[in-house]
Protein backbone atom coordinates (compact mmCIF):
# COMPACT_ATOMS: atom_id res chain seq x y z
CA MET A 1 83.09 105.17 80.92
CA SER A 2 81.88 108.19 80.60
CA ALA A 3 82.33 108.67 77.04
CA MET A 4 80.75 106.58 74.37
CA PRO A 5 83.41 103.65 73.73
CA LEU A 6 84.70 102.78 70.66
CA TRP A 7 83.91 99.19 70.94
CA THR A 8 81.79 97.47 73.37
CA SER A 9 83.69 94.44 74.58
CA SER A 10 80.67 92.02 73.48
CA ALA A 11 81.23 93.69 70.20
CA MET A 12 84.53 92.92 69.83
CA ALA A 13 84.16 89.52 70.62
CA ALA A 14 81.53 88.89 68.45
CA ALA A 15 83.47 90.30 65.51
CA MET A 16 86.55 88.05 66.24
CA ARG A 17 84.56 85.45 67.07
CA ALA A 18 86.68 85.39 70.27
CA SER A 19 86.13 83.88 73.80
CA ILE A 20 85.94 86.18 76.89
CA GLN A 21 87.89 85.48 79.83
CA GLY A 22 88.53 87.30 82.85
CA VAL A 23 85.82 90.38 83.54
CA PRO A 24 86.60 92.84 80.62
CA PRO A 25 84.90 96.15 81.11
CA GLU A 26 81.56 97.09 79.13
CA GLY A 27 83.76 98.99 76.43
CA VAL A 28 86.81 100.36 75.34
CA SER A 29 87.60 104.03 74.42
CA GLY A 30 90.46 102.90 71.80
CA LEU A 31 92.81 100.03 70.56
CA SER A 32 96.44 99.73 70.78
CA ILE A 33 99.48 97.59 69.24
CA ASP A 34 102.16 99.22 72.05
CA SER A 35 102.35 98.38 75.42
CA ARG A 36 104.59 101.68 76.12
CA THR A 37 101.66 103.71 74.73
CA VAL A 38 98.68 102.23 75.26
CA ALA A 39 96.15 104.70 77.26
CA PRO A 40 94.19 103.51 79.82
CA GLY A 41 91.01 102.02 78.70
CA GLU A 42 92.34 101.21 75.35
CA ALA A 43 92.38 97.40 74.25
CA TYR A 44 96.07 96.03 73.53
CA PHE A 45 96.26 93.61 70.56
CA ALA A 46 99.62 91.30 71.12
CA ILE A 47 100.29 91.03 67.46
CA LYS A 48 103.61 89.38 66.67
CA GLY A 49 106.06 91.58 64.79
CA ASP A 50 109.38 90.71 62.58
CA VAL A 51 111.43 91.29 65.86
CA HIS A 52 109.21 91.33 69.19
CA ASP A 53 105.77 89.27 70.28
CA GLY A 54 103.49 91.55 71.63
CA HIS A 55 102.22 88.45 73.51
CA ASP A 56 105.62 89.25 76.04
CA PHE A 57 103.95 92.84 76.64
CA VAL A 58 100.19 91.82 77.80
CA ALA A 59 101.36 92.29 81.48
CA ALA A 60 103.01 95.82 81.01
CA ALA A 61 99.94 96.79 78.87
CA LEU A 62 97.31 95.87 81.53
CA LYS A 63 99.62 97.34 84.49
CA ALA A 64 99.56 100.80 82.33
CA GLY A 65 95.74 100.44 82.81
CA ALA A 66 94.58 98.55 78.88
CA ALA A 67 90.92 97.75 79.76
CA LEU A 68 91.61 94.55 78.38
CA ALA A 69 93.98 92.15 76.12
CA VAL A 70 93.55 90.39 72.70
CA VAL A 71 95.75 87.29 72.83
CA GLU A 72 96.00 84.06 70.33
CA ALA A 73 94.87 80.75 72.32
CA ALA A 74 98.11 78.84 72.01
CA GLN A 75 99.66 81.55 74.43
CA ARG A 76 96.60 81.98 76.70
CA GLY A 77 98.49 79.89 79.74
CA LYS A 78 100.94 82.90 80.22
CA PHE A 79 98.32 85.11 81.74
CA ALA A 80 96.42 85.19 85.22
CA ALA A 81 93.34 83.18 85.44
CA ASP A 82 91.75 86.49 85.92
CA ALA A 83 93.31 88.70 83.34
CA PRO A 84 90.46 90.34 81.24
CA LEU A 85 90.87 88.59 77.72
CA LEU A 86 89.45 87.91 74.11
CA VAL A 87 91.22 84.76 72.97
CA VAL A 88 91.67 84.38 69.61
CA ASP A 89 93.11 81.61 67.10
CA ASP A 90 95.42 84.73 65.27
CA VAL A 91 95.41 88.36 66.75
CA LEU A 92 96.17 89.94 63.61
CA ALA A 93 93.55 88.01 61.76
CA GLY A 94 91.24 89.02 64.75
CA LEU A 95 92.09 92.54 64.11
CA VAL A 96 91.22 92.14 60.13
CA ASP A 97 87.95 90.85 61.49
CA LEU A 98 87.32 93.87 63.90
CA ALA A 99 88.44 96.40 60.69
CA HIS A 100 85.48 94.59 58.83
CA ALA A 101 82.96 94.81 61.39
CA ALA A 102 84.44 98.58 61.47
CA ARG A 103 83.56 99.24 57.85
CA ALA A 104 80.15 97.22 57.96
CA ARG A 105 78.87 99.85 60.45
CA LEU A 106 80.33 102.75 59.02
CA ASN A 107 77.87 105.47 57.54
CA ALA A 108 81.05 107.55 56.75
CA GLN A 109 82.10 109.04 53.14
CA VAL A 110 85.32 106.96 52.74
CA ILE A 111 88.16 108.05 51.21
CA ALA A 112 91.64 105.84 50.32
CA VAL A 113 95.15 107.10 49.39
CA THR A 114 97.88 105.53 47.67
CA GLY A 115 100.62 106.61 45.38
CA SER A 116 104.56 106.28 45.17
CA VAL A 117 104.94 109.83 46.57
CA GLY A 118 102.88 111.82 48.98
CA LYS A 119 100.52 109.59 50.53
CA THR A 120 100.87 110.79 54.13
CA SER A 121 100.83 114.43 53.27
CA THR A 122 97.64 114.12 51.09
CA LYS A 123 95.85 111.93 53.90
CA GLU A 124 96.98 114.98 56.12
CA ALA A 125 95.86 117.65 54.07
CA LEU A 126 92.49 115.73 53.64
CA ARG A 127 92.23 115.32 57.42
CA CYS A 128 92.61 118.89 57.57
CA VAL A 129 90.17 120.48 55.22
CA LEU A 130 87.18 117.62 56.26
CA GLY A 131 88.09 118.10 59.89
CA ALA A 132 86.75 121.37 59.81
CA GLN A 133 83.52 119.84 58.07
CA GLY A 134 82.54 116.83 60.40
CA GLU A 135 83.54 114.43 62.40
CA THR A 136 86.90 113.03 60.91
CA HIS A 137 88.71 109.66 61.48
CA ALA A 138 92.06 109.26 59.80
CA SER A 139 94.87 107.18 59.98
CA ALA A 140 97.76 107.84 62.16
CA ALA A 141 101.61 108.44 60.90
CA SER A 142 102.08 106.39 58.08
CA PHE A 143 99.96 103.32 59.18
CA ASN A 144 99.44 102.08 55.83
CA ASN A 145 100.49 98.35 55.57
CA HIS A 146 99.11 95.00 56.61
CA TRP A 147 98.33 95.74 60.34
CA GLY A 148 98.44 99.59 59.86
CA VAL A 149 95.08 99.63 57.55
CA PRO A 150 93.24 97.26 59.71
CA LEU A 151 94.31 98.80 63.06
CA SER A 152 93.15 102.47 61.49
CA LEU A 153 90.17 101.32 60.13
CA ALA A 154 89.02 99.11 63.49
CA ARG A 155 89.70 102.63 65.34
CA CYS A 156 87.35 104.40 63.20
CA PRO A 157 84.29 105.85 65.38
CA ALA A 158 80.81 104.61 64.13
CA THR A 159 79.64 108.48 64.19
CA ALA A 160 82.53 109.50 61.84
CA ARG A 161 81.08 111.39 58.78
CA PHE A 162 84.42 111.08 57.23
CA ALA A 163 87.22 108.56 56.80
CA ILE A 164 90.51 108.46 55.24
CA PHE A 165 92.72 105.77 54.99
CA GLU A 166 96.35 105.58 53.29
CA ILE A 167 97.18 102.77 51.91
CA GLY A 168 100.77 101.72 50.80
CA MET A 169 102.60 98.65 49.06
CA ASN A 170 106.27 97.28 47.92
CA HIS A 171 105.33 94.54 46.53
CA ALA A 172 102.49 93.75 44.17
CA GLY A 173 99.38 92.04 45.64
CA GLU A 174 99.87 94.12 48.83
CA ILE A 175 97.12 96.61 47.98
CA GLN A 176 94.03 94.39 46.87
CA PRO A 177 93.15 92.82 50.37
CA LEU A 178 93.54 96.09 52.45
CA VAL A 179 91.49 98.33 49.85
CA ARG A 180 88.73 95.35 49.84
CA MET A 181 88.60 96.09 53.70
CA VAL A 182 88.34 99.51 53.27
CA ARG A 183 85.87 99.64 50.64
CA PRO A 184 86.37 103.48 49.78
CA HIS A 185 84.04 106.01 48.07
CA VAL A 186 86.45 108.06 46.45
CA ALA A 187 90.25 106.77 45.91
CA ILE A 188 93.06 108.77 44.85
CA ILE A 189 96.06 107.95 43.37
CA THR A 190 98.88 110.99 43.70
CA THR A 191 101.38 109.99 41.33
CA VAL A 192 103.31 106.53 40.17
CA GLU A 193 106.82 106.88 40.03
CA PRO A 194 110.02 104.85 40.11
CA VAL A 195 110.07 103.57 43.77
CA HIS A 196 110.56 100.20 45.32
CA LEU A 197 112.25 99.14 41.67
CA GLU A 198 113.82 96.16 43.59
CA PHE A 199 111.01 94.62 43.77
CA PHE A 200 108.93 95.33 40.14
CA ALA A 201 109.95 94.98 36.35
CA GLY A 202 109.92 98.53 35.71
CA ILE A 203 107.45 101.04 36.41
CA GLU A 204 104.18 99.92 34.27
CA ALA A 205 104.36 97.13 36.97
CA ILE A 206 104.35 99.93 39.39
CA ALA A 207 101.24 101.26 38.28
CA ASP A 208 99.68 98.00 37.68
CA ALA A 209 99.92 97.67 41.52
CA LYS A 210 98.95 100.99 42.15
CA ALA A 211 95.29 100.23 40.46
CA GLU A 212 94.64 97.50 42.56
CA ILE A 213 93.21 100.67 44.79
CA PHE A 214 90.31 100.55 41.78
CA GLU A 215 89.38 96.91 42.92
CA GLY A 216 87.71 97.99 46.53
CA ILE A 217 85.85 101.11 45.07
CA GLU A 218 82.46 101.15 46.38
CA PRO A 219 79.44 100.93 43.86
CA GLY A 220 79.16 104.42 42.01
CA GLY A 221 82.31 105.45 43.84
CA ALA A 222 85.04 107.90 41.94
CA VAL A 223 89.14 107.55 41.42
CA VAL A 224 91.43 110.94 41.23
CA LEU A 225 94.24 110.09 39.21
CA ASN A 226 96.92 112.24 38.18
CA ARG A 227 96.71 113.22 34.20
CA ASP A 228 100.30 115.10 34.50
CA ASN A 229 102.04 111.66 35.22
CA ALA A 230 103.15 109.29 32.43
CA GLN A 231 100.92 106.63 33.70
CA PHE A 232 97.85 108.35 33.53
CA ALA A 233 96.55 106.30 30.48
CA ARG A 234 97.36 103.12 32.11
CA LEU A 235 95.51 103.74 35.23
CA GLN A 236 92.64 105.35 33.81
CA ARG A 237 92.43 102.24 31.08
CA ARG A 238 92.19 99.93 34.29
CA ALA A 239 89.78 101.78 36.27
CA LYS A 240 87.41 101.74 33.14
CA GLU A 241 87.78 98.04 32.81
CA LEU A 242 86.77 97.19 36.31
CA GLY A 243 83.63 99.72 35.50
CA ILE A 244 84.66 102.92 37.49
CA ALA A 245 82.67 105.32 35.61
CA ARG A 246 83.60 108.45 37.79
CA ILE A 247 87.39 109.17 36.49
CA VAL A 248 88.63 112.69 37.90
CA SER A 249 92.00 113.91 37.06
CA PHE A 250 94.14 116.38 38.34
CA GLY A 251 97.09 118.43 37.17
CA ALA A 252 98.15 121.19 34.90
CA ASP A 253 96.87 119.51 31.84
CA GLN A 254 93.83 121.45 30.18
CA LYS A 255 91.95 118.21 30.22
CA SER A 256 91.89 117.89 33.85
CA GLU A 257 88.95 118.33 35.84
CA ALA A 258 90.84 119.75 38.94
CA ARG A 259 93.24 122.12 36.87
CA LEU A 260 95.84 124.08 38.11
CA ILE A 261 95.78 127.44 36.21
CA ASP A 262 98.40 129.12 38.12
CA VAL A 263 100.53 128.80 41.27
CA SER A 264 102.82 131.13 43.23
CA LEU A 265 105.76 129.86 45.20
CA HIS A 266 107.21 130.70 48.51
CA ALA A 267 109.39 129.92 50.89
CA THR A 268 106.91 128.36 53.52
CA CYS A 269 103.62 128.52 51.47
CA SER A 270 101.98 128.98 47.95
CA ALA A 271 99.06 130.71 46.55
CA VAL A 272 97.26 128.56 43.94
CA HIS A 273 94.33 129.74 41.80
CA ALA A 274 92.83 126.42 40.27
CA ASP A 275 89.53 124.66 38.65
CA ILE A 276 88.07 122.39 40.30
CA LEU A 277 85.20 120.14 39.03
CA GLY A 278 84.40 123.74 36.89
CA GLN A 279 84.40 125.77 40.10
CA ASP A 280 87.18 128.68 40.03
CA VAL A 281 89.02 128.60 43.44
CA THR A 282 91.69 130.74 44.67
CA TYR A 283 93.61 129.61 48.18
CA LYS A 284 96.68 129.85 50.08
CA LEU A 285 98.20 126.48 50.95
CA GLY A 286 100.05 126.48 54.21
CA VAL A 287 102.90 123.96 53.09
CA PRO A 288 105.44 124.89 50.27
CA GLY A 289 106.30 123.09 46.88
CA ARG A 290 104.82 122.99 43.65
CA HIS A 291 104.17 118.98 44.47
CA MET A 292 102.21 119.94 47.51
CA ALA A 293 100.15 122.48 45.36
CA MET A 294 99.43 119.66 42.87
CA ASN A 295 98.31 117.29 45.13
CA SER A 296 95.96 119.73 46.88
CA LEU A 297 94.15 119.70 43.42
CA ALA A 298 93.60 115.83 44.29
CA VAL A 299 92.42 116.77 48.07
CA LEU A 300 89.77 119.12 46.81
CA ALA A 301 88.55 117.13 44.05
CA ALA A 302 88.23 114.23 46.81
CA ALA A 303 86.49 116.62 49.40
CA ALA A 304 83.94 117.53 46.87
CA LEU A 305 83.17 114.20 45.58
CA ALA A 306 82.73 113.24 49.22
CA GLY A 307 80.21 116.05 49.39
CA ALA A 308 82.38 118.56 51.46
CA ASP A 309 81.80 122.25 50.73
CA LEU A 310 84.71 122.91 48.37
CA ALA A 311 84.94 126.91 49.28
CA LEU A 312 85.31 125.82 52.98
CA ALA A 313 87.81 123.09 52.00
CA ALA A 314 89.86 125.57 50.13
CA LEU A 315 89.87 128.08 52.80
CA SER A 316 90.95 125.42 55.35
CA LEU A 317 94.10 124.53 53.43
CA SER A 318 95.75 127.67 54.68
CA GLN A 319 95.79 125.94 58.31
CA LEU A 320 97.68 123.05 56.72
CA GLU A 321 101.50 122.35 58.18
CA PRO A 322 104.23 120.16 57.39
CA THR A 323 104.76 117.09 59.82
CA THR A 324 108.12 115.78 61.57
CA GLY A 325 109.76 114.27 59.03
CA ARG A 326 108.21 115.49 56.24
CA GLY A 327 109.21 119.29 55.81
CA ALA A 328 108.36 120.73 59.34
CA ARG A 329 111.11 123.39 60.01
CA ARG A 330 112.75 124.54 62.81
CA VAL A 331 114.91 128.02 63.58
CA LEU A 332 117.58 126.95 65.26
CA GLU A 333 119.68 129.66 67.46
CA VAL A 334 123.51 129.01 66.05
CA ALA A 335 126.66 131.19 66.61
CA SER A 336 125.73 135.17 65.77
CA GLY A 337 122.29 134.34 64.36
CA GLU A 338 120.10 131.83 63.33
CA ALA A 339 119.67 129.02 60.62
CA THR A 340 116.47 127.15 59.37
CA LEU A 341 116.22 123.68 59.65
CA ILE A 342 114.08 121.57 57.11
CA ASP A 343 113.63 118.23 58.51
CA GLU A 344 112.74 115.58 55.30
CA SER A 345 114.45 112.82 57.20
CA TYR A 346 111.43 110.33 56.99
CA ASN A 347 111.80 108.82 54.02
CA ALA A 348 113.08 109.22 50.29
CA ASN A 349 112.61 108.20 46.81
CA PRO A 350 114.16 109.71 43.50
CA ALA A 351 111.02 112.28 42.99
CA SER A 352 110.30 113.39 46.72
CA MET A 353 114.07 113.80 46.97
CA ALA A 354 113.58 116.27 43.77
CA ALA A 355 110.63 117.86 45.28
CA ALA A 356 112.43 118.30 48.46
CA LEU A 357 115.53 120.05 46.66
CA ASN A 358 113.00 122.10 44.94
CA VAL A 359 111.73 123.41 48.56
CA LEU A 360 114.89 123.99 49.32
CA GLY A 361 115.99 126.29 46.58
CA GLN A 362 112.78 128.16 47.77
CA ALA A 363 113.97 128.57 51.11
CA GLN A 364 114.89 132.16 52.59
CA VAL A 365 118.75 132.44 53.41
CA GLY A 366 120.28 135.03 55.39
CA PRO A 367 122.81 137.87 54.14
CA HIS A 368 126.02 135.09 54.00
CA GLY A 369 123.70 132.50 54.05
CA ARG A 370 123.88 128.80 52.06
CA ARG A 371 121.04 126.21 50.67
CA ILE A 372 122.96 123.07 52.04
CA ALA A 373 121.38 119.52 51.43
CA ILE A 374 122.37 116.70 53.89
CA LEU A 375 121.38 113.68 52.06
CA GLY A 376 121.46 109.83 52.85
CA ASP A 377 120.81 106.61 50.55
CA MET A 378 117.58 106.11 48.70
CA LEU A 379 116.71 102.46 49.36
CA GLU A 380 114.79 99.61 47.40
CA LEU A 381 115.78 100.80 43.86
CA GLY A 382 117.68 97.76 42.85
CA PRO A 383 120.44 97.86 39.81
CA THR A 384 118.70 101.45 39.06
CA GLY A 385 119.88 102.83 42.21
CA PRO A 386 123.54 104.09 41.27
CA ALA A 387 122.03 106.02 38.28
CA LEU A 388 119.00 107.48 40.24
CA HIS A 389 121.60 108.96 42.86
CA ARG A 390 123.99 110.55 40.36
CA GLY A 391 120.98 111.69 38.68
CA LEU A 392 119.91 114.24 41.65
CA VAL A 393 123.44 116.52 40.46
CA ASP A 394 120.42 117.55 37.92
CA ALA A 395 118.13 118.96 40.50
CA ILE A 396 120.79 120.10 42.92
CA LYS A 397 122.12 122.47 40.10
CA ALA A 398 118.74 123.62 39.22
CA ASN A 399 117.85 124.69 42.76
CA HIS A 400 121.06 126.63 43.10
CA ILE A 401 121.98 124.31 46.17
CA ASP A 402 125.12 125.65 47.55
CA LEU A 403 126.44 122.73 49.48
CA VAL A 404 126.06 118.94 49.33
CA TYR A 405 126.84 116.53 52.12
CA CYS A 406 125.85 113.01 51.64
CA CYS A 407 126.23 109.57 53.59
CA GLY A 408 125.97 105.85 52.50
CA PRO A 409 127.29 103.57 49.38
CA LEU A 410 124.53 104.66 47.11
CA MET A 411 125.33 108.41 47.96
CA ARG A 412 128.64 108.00 46.75
CA ASN A 413 127.66 108.16 43.54
CA LEU A 414 126.08 111.39 43.94
CA TRP A 415 129.14 112.87 45.77
CA ASP A 416 131.56 111.95 42.56
CA ALA A 417 129.37 113.67 40.59
CA LEU A 418 129.12 116.64 42.42
CA SER A 419 131.65 119.86 41.22
CA THR A 420 134.18 120.14 43.76
CA GLY A 421 132.31 123.56 44.83
CA LYS A 422 129.30 121.70 45.77
CA ARG A 423 131.11 118.90 48.19
CA GLY A 424 130.38 119.79 51.60
CA GLY A 425 131.12 116.41 53.24
CA TYR A 426 130.88 112.43 52.72
CA ALA A 427 130.60 109.53 55.23
CA GLU A 428 129.71 106.01 55.30
CA SER A 429 126.85 106.67 57.42
CA ALA A 430 124.67 109.22 59.24
CA ALA A 431 126.45 108.66 62.62
CA SER A 432 129.60 109.24 60.80
CA LEU A 433 128.46 112.17 59.00
CA GLU A 434 127.09 113.80 61.96
CA ALA A 435 129.85 115.56 63.29
CA GLN A 436 130.63 117.06 60.02
CA ALA A 437 127.11 118.27 59.65
CA VAL A 438 127.02 120.00 63.03
CA SER A 439 130.43 121.75 62.55
CA ALA A 440 129.08 123.01 59.00
CA ILE A 441 126.09 125.02 59.96
CA ARG A 442 126.30 128.85 60.25
CA ALA A 443 123.82 131.84 60.76
CA GLY A 444 121.76 132.61 57.66
CA ASP A 445 121.89 128.81 56.21
CA ALA A 446 118.86 126.91 55.07
CA PHE A 447 119.61 123.22 55.64
CA MET A 448 117.35 120.33 54.29
CA ILE A 449 118.03 116.79 55.44
CA LYS A 450 116.41 113.54 53.79
CA GLY A 451 117.32 110.04 53.08
CA SER A 452 115.24 106.73 53.42
CA LEU A 453 114.40 105.37 56.82
CA GLY A 454 116.89 102.81 56.68
CA SER A 455 119.38 105.47 56.16
CA LYS A 456 118.46 106.86 59.25
CA MET A 457 118.76 110.36 59.01
CA LYS A 458 116.94 111.42 61.66
CA THR A 459 120.01 111.11 63.86
CA ILE A 460 121.59 114.13 62.52
CA VAL A 461 118.26 115.87 63.18
CA ASN A 462 118.51 114.88 66.76
CA ALA A 463 122.10 115.97 66.91
CA LEU A 464 121.40 119.31 65.56
CA GLU A 465 118.39 119.87 67.68
CA LYS A 466 120.32 118.79 70.54
CA ARG A 467 123.41 121.13 69.86
CA PHE A 468 121.35 124.31 68.90
CA PRO A 469 118.43 125.74 70.67
CA GLY A 470 115.52 126.18 68.19
CA ARG A 471 111.67 126.92 67.92
CA THR A 472 109.31 125.92 65.10
CA ALA A 473 109.31 128.13 62.15
CA LEU A 474 106.17 130.62 61.62
CA ASP A 475 104.93 131.17 58.27
CA GLU A 476 105.58 134.68 58.21
CA ALA A 477 105.09 135.11 54.22
CA ALA A 478 102.43 137.39 52.93
CA VAL A 479 100.49 135.91 49.86
């Protein structure tokens, strides 16, 4: 192996208390839990998932070039005697042990991000600004749960200067063990909103669950909290109870240490004027939406707290781009012209849905174009679900959305609340709405597709991209 390995096989074995069998190579270049995407030279972890057991794919991973496989002792007999293996009692527990070893060897400034909305986009913005200033490692995709966090941490090179980890939850008690593994120097809570209400007594209980992130802060570390959020005082109080002295707030509130002074919203970007920890900063943000502008304040505050150059960090935000399923835009070639697709299909909750409708309201349309929302159910809202779906009608009116297509039993509540002129079409599922959506698009339209992951709104995005040739939308706004 020519490059410095991520882990030596012996160090992995020591961290996981694994027995070495076969003849693994001296080191591995990366870690994988998916035999379909494992790269040559990586270690494959045979984790048991809800649907599949990774042990069933060890042979495929090794055939694809995996350097070794991590398997449990109870299933050792399935594999050839000379297979390169690290054998442990439990594969996920072994990955957690490796994550702890990764954190122990790390000299980076570590930042953790949680919140009801905006975790992944905030993490990606931190990756963007810190990556311009030194070697930066960050969680892939939304790897923020009981296996995603240890995998992300175990993948962190010892040489990183900055390391950023997203931490999620939908039940109380989930964040605590993950943050104690990550041990951040800086933690961000983007906001607390009525998300996963099916599993909580109320929004205060959600705030308390998010506050578990304070329990892993390194001594002398800092937290960054949204002062505009109604749960700010509750979070601030809990941080103080745990002895955290450096509490930095962000928002439009005059008391915020990272304070929004002014923002100019454009269709594909924003211009932001802010005071960040006493420094006056003006910058272009490469993604649209007031919610993104607000979270950029937290990004810059955290970057400064982690020792990054604030001016360079602000400059780097112009390079930020929306990602697939989280606001990525494509220009589609339709009959007699072009239409703009805004892909927000990855997930949804009431706060992110309102933010996406606001972005759609800012979108540019052609001379005869319309702003169209194609919406699927928001899940895990419990008994409040019907009312929260009905409540979206206010954001639709406020943002001058011309036409709404709905799918799913919960979205039926919004459909019934819409005026007749705004009703585009309704179906029970994304698959059954697909034909209506495809046939509705015409030149000049801007349309946004959003719903919870379980609503499968990506199927409509895929259908539109298959039906109409397209290209990535470029930022042509003059800021």
